[in-house]
Amino acid sequence: MIAAFGLSVYSFARLLGTEPRILEQSLWTWIAVGDLQVDFGFRVDPLSAVMILVVSGVGALIHIYSIGYMHEDAGYY
């Protein structure tokens, strides 16, 4: 979760430096039929970047808290 939060901070920082304020990365073509081409990829805009930061940040805090809370528990493993 901490790595996911780090990647979200990195993508948010990259988003701040671009003028169109949209990051797009196409990974591969999923469907190609005639003139229709559907790509599989990622798109990050300002709203999705904030949501990625919130979800991964809160998730990382929950994991850190739960590790500390369950540290002395007999059934920790």
PDB file of N, CA and C in Angstrom:
ATOM      1  N   MET A   1       0.814  -1.187   0.000  1.00  0.00           N
ATOM      2  CA  MET A   1       0.000   0.000   0.000  1.00  0.00           C
ATOM      3  C   MET A   1       0.862   1.257   0.000  1.00  0.00           C
ATOM      4  N   ILE A   2       1.977   1.193   0.683  1.00  0.00           N
ATOM      5  CA  ILE A   2       2.864   2.356   0.702  1.00  0.00           C
ATOM      6  C   ILE A   2       3.449   2.583  -0.693  1.00  0.00           C
ATOM      7  N   ALA A   3       3.768   1.507  -1.394  1.00  0.00           N
ATOM      8  CA  ALA A   3       4.272   1.639  -2.760  1.00  0.00           C
ATOM      9  C   ALA A   3       3.195   2.213  -3.687  1.00  0.00           C
ATOM     10  N   ALA A   4       1.951   1.788  -3.495  1.00  0.00           N
ATOM     11  CA  ALA A   4       0.853   2.327  -4.297  1.00  0.00           C
ATOM     12  C   ALA A   4       0.664   3.813  -4.023  1.00  0.00           C
ATOM     13  N   PHE A   5       0.790   4.212  -2.759  1.00  0.00           N
ATOM     14  CA  PHE A   5       0.691   5.625  -2.424  1.00  0.00           C
ATOM     15  C   PHE A   5       1.856   6.408  -3.052  1.00  0.00           C
ATOM     16  N   GLY A   6       3.044   5.829  -3.029  1.00  0.00           N
ATOM     17  CA  GLY A   6       4.191   6.478  -3.656  1.00  0.00           C
ATOM     18  C   GLY A   6       3.994   6.666  -5.157  1.00  0.00           C
ATOM     19  N   LEU A   7       3.450   5.642  -5.831  1.00  0.00           N
ATOM     20  CA  LEU A   7       3.175   5.764  -7.262  1.00  0.00           C
ATOM     21  C   LEU A   7       2.092   6.801  -7.544  1.00  0.00           C
ATOM     22  N   SER A   8       1.107   6.898  -6.650  1.00  0.00           N
ATOM     23  CA  SER A   8       0.066   7.899  -6.857  1.00  0.00           C
ATOM     24  C   SER A   8       0.606   9.312  -6.651  1.00  0.00           C
ATOM     25  N   VAL A   9       1.506   9.493  -5.694  1.00  0.00           N
ATOM     26  CA  VAL A   9       2.143  10.802  -5.513  1.00  0.00           C
ATOM     27  C   VAL A   9       2.984  11.141  -6.743  1.00  0.00           C
ATOM     28  N   TYR A  10       3.692  10.159  -7.275  1.00  0.00           N
ATOM     29  CA  TYR A  10       4.503  10.373  -8.479  1.00  0.00           C
ATOM     30  C   TYR A  10       3.624  10.780  -9.667  1.00  0.00           C
ATOM     31  N   SER A  11       2.509  10.074  -9.879  1.00  0.00           N
ATOM     32  CA  SER A  11       1.641  10.416 -11.005  1.00  0.00           C
ATOM     33  C   SER A  11       0.979  11.778 -10.790  1.00  0.00           C
ATOM     34  N   PHE A  12       0.663  12.123  -9.549  1.00  0.00           N
ATOM     35  CA  PHE A  12       0.088  13.436  -9.256  1.00  0.00           C
ATOM     36  C   PHE A  12       1.111  14.535  -9.543  1.00  0.00           C
ATOM     37  N   ALA A  13       2.361  14.306  -9.182  1.00  0.00           N
ATOM     38  CA  ALA A  13       3.411  15.294  -9.442  1.00  0.00           C
ATOM     39  C   ALA A  13       3.641  15.450 -10.944  1.00  0.00           C
ATOM     40  N   ARG A  14       3.596  14.362 -11.689  1.00  0.00           N
ATOM     41  CA  ARG A  14       3.732  14.442 -13.147  1.00  0.00           C
ATOM     42  C   ARG A  14       2.557  15.173 -13.765  1.00  0.00           C
ATOM     43  N   LEU A  15       1.380  15.001 -13.186  1.00  0.00           N
ATOM     44  CA  LEU A  15       0.181  15.660 -13.697  1.00  0.00           C
ATOM     45  C   LEU A  15       0.273  17.167 -13.509  1.00  0.00           C
ATOM     46  N   LEU A  16       0.903  17.616 -12.442  1.00  0.00           N
ATOM     47  CA  LEU A  16       1.045  19.045 -12.200  1.00  0.00           C
ATOM     48  C   LEU A  16       1.946  19.714 -13.219  1.00  0.00           C
ATOM     49  N   GLY A  17       2.888  18.973 -13.774  1.00  0.00           N
ATOM     50  CA  GLY A  17       3.841  19.541 -14.703  1.00  0.00           C
ATOM     51  C   GLY A  17       3.365  19.586 -16.147  1.00  0.00           C
ATOM     52  N   THR A  18       2.250  18.939 -16.461  1.00  0.00           N
ATOM     53  CA  THR A  18       1.780  18.895 -17.843  1.00  0.00           C
ATOM     54  C   THR A  18       0.700  19.942 -18.067  1.00  0.00           C
ATOM     55  N   GLU A  19       0.631  20.465 -19.276  1.00  0.00           N
ATOM     56  CA  GLU A  19      -0.358  21.491 -19.569  1.00  0.00           C
ATOM     57  C   GLU A  19      -1.742  20.927 -19.860  1.00  0.00           C
ATOM     58  N   PRO A  20      -1.902  19.864 -20.654  1.00  0.00           N
ATOM     59  CA  PRO A  20      -3.269  19.374 -20.850  1.00  0.00           C
ATOM     60  C   PRO A  20      -3.874  18.788 -19.573  1.00  0.00           C
ATOM     61  N   ARG A  21      -3.058  18.549 -18.568  1.00  0.00           N
ATOM     62  CA  ARG A  21      -3.472  18.027 -17.272  1.00  0.00           C
ATOM     63  C   ARG A  21      -4.178  16.671 -17.391  1.00  0.00           C
ATOM     64  N   ILE A  22      -3.738  15.900 -18.355  1.00  0.00           N
ATOM     65  CA  ILE A  22      -4.238  14.533 -18.526  1.00  0.00           C
ATOM     66  C   ILE A  22      -3.050  13.657 -18.896  1.00  0.00           C
ATOM     67  N   LEU A  23      -2.894  12.554 -18.190  1.00  0.00           N
ATOM     68  CA  LEU A  23      -1.872  11.570 -18.534  1.00  0.00           C
ATOM     69  C   LEU A  23      -2.581  10.344 -19.101  1.00  0.00           C
ATOM     70  N   GLU A  24      -2.173   9.909 -20.274  1.00  0.00           N
ATOM     71  CA  GLU A  24      -2.763   8.731 -20.903  1.00  0.00           C
ATOM     72  C   GLU A  24      -1.664   7.761 -21.288  1.00  0.00           C
ATOM     73  N   GLN A  25      -1.904   6.493 -21.043  1.00  0.00           N
ATOM     74  CA  GLN A  25      -0.965   5.446 -21.441  1.00  0.00           C
ATOM     75  C   GLN A  25      -1.777   4.282 -21.980  1.00  0.00           C
ATOM     76  N   SER A  26      -1.656   4.016 -23.268  1.00  0.00           N
ATOM     77  CA  SER A  26      -2.340   2.887 -23.885  1.00  0.00           C
ATOM     78  C   SER A  26      -1.415   1.675 -23.807  1.00  0.00           C
ATOM     79  N   LEU A  27      -1.926   0.577 -23.270  1.00  0.00           N
ATOM     80  CA  LEU A  27      -1.106  -0.617 -23.105  1.00  0.00           C
ATOM     81  C   LEU A  27      -1.202  -1.555 -24.303  1.00  0.00           C
ATOM     82  N   TRP A  28      -2.434  -1.847 -24.748  1.00  0.00           N
ATOM     83  CA  TRP A  28      -2.608  -2.676 -25.925  1.00  0.00           C
ATOM     84  C   TRP A  28      -4.010  -2.470 -26.478  1.00  0.00           C
ATOM     85  N   THR A  29      -4.194  -2.895 -27.708  1.00  0.00           N
ATOM     86  CA  THR A  29      -5.516  -2.804 -28.337  1.00  0.00           C
ATOM     87  C   THR A  29      -6.325  -4.008 -27.907  1.00  0.00           C
ATOM     88  N   TRP A  30      -7.465  -3.741 -27.300  1.00  0.00           N
ATOM     89  CA  TRP A  30      -8.309  -4.805 -26.774  1.00  0.00           C
ATOM     90  C   TRP A  30      -9.213  -5.353 -27.866  1.00  0.00           C
ATOM     91  N   ILE A  31      -9.904  -4.456 -28.577  1.00  0.00           N
ATOM     92  CA  ILE A  31     -10.804  -4.859 -29.657  1.00  0.00           C
ATOM     93  C   ILE A  31     -10.502  -3.989 -30.871  1.00  0.00           C
ATOM     94  N   ALA A  32     -10.354  -4.608 -32.010  1.00  0.00           N
ATOM     95  CA  ALA A  32     -10.185  -3.870 -33.265  1.00  0.00           C
ATOM     96  C   ALA A  32     -11.092  -4.502 -34.309  1.00  0.00           C
ATOM     97  N   VAL A  33     -12.187  -3.799 -34.637  1.00  0.00           N
ATOM     98  CA  VAL A  33     -13.149  -4.289 -35.616  1.00  0.00           C
ATOM     99  C   VAL A  33     -13.458  -3.134 -36.574  1.00  0.00           C
ATOM    100  N   GLY A  34     -13.055  -3.250 -37.807  1.00  0.00           N
ATOM    101  CA  GLY A  34     -13.319  -2.193 -38.780  1.00  0.00           C
ATOM    102  C   GLY A  34     -12.699  -0.872 -38.334  1.00  0.00           C
ATOM    103  N   ASP A  35     -13.534   0.163 -38.236  1.00  0.00           N
ATOM    104  CA  ASP A  35     -13.068   1.473 -37.793  1.00  0.00           C
ATOM    105  C   ASP A  35     -13.055   1.609 -36.279  1.00  0.00           C
ATOM    106  N   LEU A  36     -13.626   0.650 -35.567  1.00  0.00           N
ATOM    107  CA  LEU A  36     -13.685   0.697 -34.099  1.00  0.00           C
ATOM    108  C   LEU A  36     -12.404   0.107 -33.510  1.00  0.00           C
ATOM    109  N   GLN A  37     -11.760   0.877 -32.657  1.00  0.00           N
ATOM    110  CA  GLN A  37     -10.566   0.400 -31.962  1.00  0.00           C
ATOM    111  C   GLN A  37     -10.705   0.762 -30.487  1.00  0.00           C
ATOM    112  N   VAL A  38     -10.742  -0.248 -29.636  1.00  0.00           N
ATOM    113  CA  VAL A  38     -10.864  -0.053 -28.200  1.00  0.00           C
ATOM    114  C   VAL A  38      -9.536  -0.452 -27.564  1.00  0.00           C
ATOM    115  N   ASP A  39      -8.872   0.520 -26.944  1.00  0.00           N
ATOM    116  CA  ASP A  39      -7.580   0.277 -26.309  1.00  0.00           C
ATOM    117  C   ASP A  39      -7.751   0.027 -24.824  1.00  0.00           C
ATOM    118  N   PHE A  40      -6.835  -0.744 -24.249  1.00  0.00           N
ATOM    119  CA  PHE A  40      -6.769  -0.944 -22.809  1.00  0.00           C
ATOM    120  C   PHE A  40      -5.602  -0.111 -22.311  1.00  0.00           C
ATOM    121  N   GLY A  41      -5.881   0.779 -21.361  1.00  0.00           N
ATOM    122  CA  GLY A  41      -4.824   1.651 -20.871  1.00  0.00           C
ATOM    123  C   GLY A  41      -5.244   2.389 -19.623  1.00  0.00           C
ATOM    124  N   PHE A  42      -4.477   3.391 -19.275  1.00  0.00           N
ATOM    125  CA  PHE A  42      -4.719   4.200 -18.089  1.00  0.00           C
ATOM    126  C   PHE A  42      -4.893   5.654 -18.490  1.00  0.00           C
ATOM    127  N   ARG A  43      -5.756   6.355 -17.750  1.00  0.00           N
ATOM    128  CA  ARG A  43      -5.967   7.781 -17.957  1.00  0.00           C
ATOM    129  C   ARG A  43      -6.093   8.416 -16.584  1.00  0.00           C
ATOM    130  N   VAL A  44      -5.277   9.437 -16.336  1.00  0.00           N
ATOM    131  CA  VAL A  44      -5.299  10.132 -15.055  1.00  0.00           C
ATOM    132  C   VAL A  44      -5.568  11.601 -15.331  1.00  0.00           C
ATOM    133  N   ASP A  45      -6.665  12.113 -14.751  1.00  0.00           N
ATOM    134  CA  ASP A  45      -6.980  13.532 -14.814  1.00  0.00           C
ATOM    135  C   ASP A  45      -6.968  14.065 -13.380  1.00  0.00           C
ATOM    136  N   PRO A  46      -7.175  15.354 -13.161  1.00  0.00           N
ATOM    137  CA  PRO A  46      -7.069  15.889 -11.791  1.00  0.00           C
ATOM    138  C   PRO A  46      -8.001  15.218 -10.784  1.00  0.00           C
ATOM    139  N   LEU A  47      -9.245  14.934 -11.159  1.00  0.00           N
ATOM    140  CA  LEU A  47     -10.173  14.308 -10.218  1.00  0.00           C
ATOM    141  C   LEU A  47      -9.736  12.889  -9.862  1.00  0.00           C
ATOM    142  N   SER A  48      -9.364  12.096 -10.856  1.00  0.00           N
ATOM    143  CA  SER A  48      -8.939  10.730 -10.558  1.00  0.00           C
ATOM    144  C   SER A  48      -7.626  10.721  -9.778  1.00  0.00           C
ATOM    145  N   ALA A  49      -6.753  11.706 -10.012  1.00  0.00           N
ATOM    146  CA  ALA A  49      -5.498  11.778  -9.260  1.00  0.00           C
ATOM    147  C   ALA A  49      -5.757  12.035  -7.779  1.00  0.00           C
ATOM    148  N   VAL A  50      -6.688  12.919  -7.479  1.00  0.00           N
ATOM    149  CA  VAL A  50      -7.026  13.181  -6.074  1.00  0.00           C
ATOM    150  C   VAL A  50      -7.650  11.944  -5.437  1.00  0.00           C
ATOM    151  N   MET A  51      -8.513  11.253  -6.156  1.00  0.00           N
ATOM    152  CA  MET A  51      -9.140  10.048  -5.608  1.00  0.00           C
ATOM    153  C   MET A  51      -8.105   8.940  -5.392  1.00  0.00           C
ATOM    154  N   ILE A  52      -7.146   8.816  -6.297  1.00  0.00           N
ATOM    155  CA  ILE A  52      -6.082   7.827  -6.127  1.00  0.00           C
ATOM    156  C   ILE A  52      -5.271   8.144  -4.876  1.00  0.00           C
ATOM    157  N   LEU A  53      -4.964   9.430  -4.666  1.00  0.00           N
ATOM    158  CA  LEU A  53      -4.222   9.836  -3.468  1.00  0.00           C
ATOM    159  C   LEU A  53      -4.999   9.520  -2.197  1.00  0.00           C
ATOM    160  N   VAL A  54      -6.289   9.832  -2.183  1.00  0.00           N
ATOM    161  CA  VAL A  54      -7.106   9.599  -0.985  1.00  0.00           C
ATOM    162  C   VAL A  54      -7.211   8.102  -0.683  1.00  0.00           C
ATOM    163  N   VAL A  55      -7.555   7.314  -1.677  1.00  0.00           N
ATOM    164  CA  VAL A  55      -7.769   5.879  -1.448  1.00  0.00           C
ATOM    165  C   VAL A  55      -6.477   5.182  -1.051  1.00  0.00           C
ATOM    166  N   SER A  56      -5.392   5.437  -1.769  1.00  0.00           N
ATOM    167  CA  SER A  56      -4.138   4.756  -1.437  1.00  0.00           C
ATOM    168  C   SER A  56      -3.540   5.295  -0.138  1.00  0.00           C
ATOM    169  N   GLY A  57      -3.710   6.578   0.148  1.00  0.00           N
ATOM    170  CA  GLY A  57      -3.204   7.142   1.404  1.00  0.00           C
ATOM    171  C   GLY A  57      -3.926   6.591   2.616  1.00  0.00           C
ATOM    172  N   VAL A  58      -5.259   6.564   2.563  1.00  0.00           N
ATOM    173  CA  VAL A  58      -6.031   6.017   3.676  1.00  0.00           C
ATOM    174  C   VAL A  58      -5.783   4.525   3.811  1.00  0.00           C
ATOM    175  N   GLY A  59      -5.687   3.818   2.689  1.00  0.00           N
ATOM    176  CA  GLY A  59      -5.390   2.384   2.740  1.00  0.00           C
ATOM    177  C   GLY A  59      -4.042   2.100   3.373  1.00  0.00           C
ATOM    178  N   ALA A  60      -3.033   2.913   3.049  1.00  0.00           N
ATOM    179  CA  ALA A  60      -1.706   2.735   3.648  1.00  0.00           C
ATOM    180  C   ALA A  60      -1.758   3.003   5.153  1.00  0.00           C
ATOM    181  N   LEU A  61      -2.482   4.038   5.569  1.00  0.00           N
ATOM    182  CA  LEU A  61      -2.618   4.316   7.006  1.00  0.00           C
ATOM    183  C   LEU A  61      -3.325   3.187   7.736  1.00  0.00           C
ATOM    184  N   ILE A  62      -4.344   2.613   7.126  1.00  0.00           N
ATOM    185  CA  ILE A  62      -5.058   1.481   7.740  1.00  0.00           C
ATOM    186  C   ILE A  62      -4.123   0.293   7.897  1.00  0.00           C
ATOM    187  N   HIS A  63      -3.319  -0.004   6.893  1.00  0.00           N
ATOM    188  CA  HIS A  63      -2.385  -1.126   6.986  1.00  0.00           C
ATOM    189  C   HIS A  63      -1.332  -0.891   8.066  1.00  0.00           C
ATOM    190  N   ILE A  64      -0.793   0.308   8.123  1.00  0.00           N
ATOM    191  CA  ILE A  64       0.210   0.613   9.147  1.00  0.00           C
ATOM    192  C   ILE A  64      -0.392   0.501  10.542  1.00  0.00           C
ATOM    193  N   TYR A  65      -1.595   1.031  10.729  1.00  0.00           N
ATOM    194  CA  TYR A  65      -2.256   0.958  12.037  1.00  0.00           C
ATOM    195  C   TYR A  65      -2.547  -0.488  12.421  1.00  0.00           C
ATOM    196  N   SER A  66      -3.053  -1.281  11.467  1.00  0.00           N
ATOM    197  CA  SER A  66      -3.409  -2.666  11.805  1.00  0.00           C
ATOM    198  C   SER A  66      -2.177  -3.506  12.130  1.00  0.00           C
ATOM    199  N   ILE A  67      -1.063  -3.237  11.470  1.00  0.00           N
ATOM    200  CA  ILE A  67       0.167  -3.967  11.791  1.00  0.00           C
ATOM    201  C   ILE A  67       0.611  -3.647  13.215  1.00  0.00           C
ATOM    202  N   GLY A  68       0.556  -2.378  13.591  1.00  0.00           N
ATOM    203  CA  GLY A  68       0.924  -1.990  14.955  1.00  0.00           C
ATOM    204  C   GLY A  68      -0.052  -2.511  15.987  1.00  0.00           C
ATOM    205  N   TYR A  69      -1.338  -2.524  15.656  1.00  0.00           N
ATOM    206  CA  TYR A  69      -2.371  -2.964  16.595  1.00  0.00           C
ATOM    207  C   TYR A  69      -2.292  -4.462  16.854  1.00  0.00           C
ATOM    208  N   MET A  70      -1.999  -5.236  15.826  1.00  0.00           N
ATOM    209  CA  MET A  70      -1.979  -6.695  15.952  1.00  0.00           C
ATOM    210  C   MET A  70      -0.585  -7.249  16.251  1.00  0.00           C
ATOM    211  N   HIS A  71       0.391  -6.387  16.461  1.00  0.00           N
ATOM    212  CA  HIS A  71       1.769  -6.831  16.624  1.00  0.00           C
ATOM    213  C   HIS A  71       1.946  -7.803  17.789  1.00  0.00           C
ATOM    214  N   GLU A  72       1.331  -7.568  18.908  1.00  0.00           N
ATOM    215  CA  GLU A  72       1.514  -8.411  20.088  1.00  0.00           C
ATOM    216  C   GLU A  72       0.456  -9.511  20.212  1.00  0.00           C
ATOM    217  N   ASP A  73      -0.422  -9.635  19.246  1.00  0.00           N
ATOM    218  CA  ASP A  73      -1.481 -10.629  19.290  1.00  0.00           C
ATOM    219  C   ASP A  73      -0.914 -12.016  18.989  1.00  0.00           C
ATOM    220  N   ALA A  74      -1.453 -13.017  19.668  1.00  0.00           N
ATOM    221  CA  ALA A  74      -0.956 -14.390  19.483  1.00  0.00           C
ATOM    222  C   ALA A  74      -1.256 -14.906  18.070  1.00  0.00           C
ATOM    223  N   GLY A  75      -2.364 -14.487  17.475  1.00  0.00           N
ATOM    224  CA  GLY A  75      -2.731 -14.941  16.134  1.00  0.00           C
ATOM    225  C   GLY A  75      -2.330 -13.973  15.057  1.00  0.00           C
ATOM    226  N   TYR A  76      -1.246 -13.248  15.236  1.00  0.00           N
ATOM    227  CA  TYR A  76      -0.809 -12.214  14.291  1.00  0.00           C
ATOM    228  C   TYR A  76      -0.496 -12.785  12.907  1.00  0.00           C
ATOM    229  N   TYR A  77       0.135 -13.941  12.893  1.00  0.00           N
ATOM    230  CA  TYR A  77       0.558 -14.505  11.618  1.00  0.00           C
ATOM    231  C   TYR A  77      -0.639 -14.854  10.765  1.00  0.00           C
TER     232      TYR A  77
END
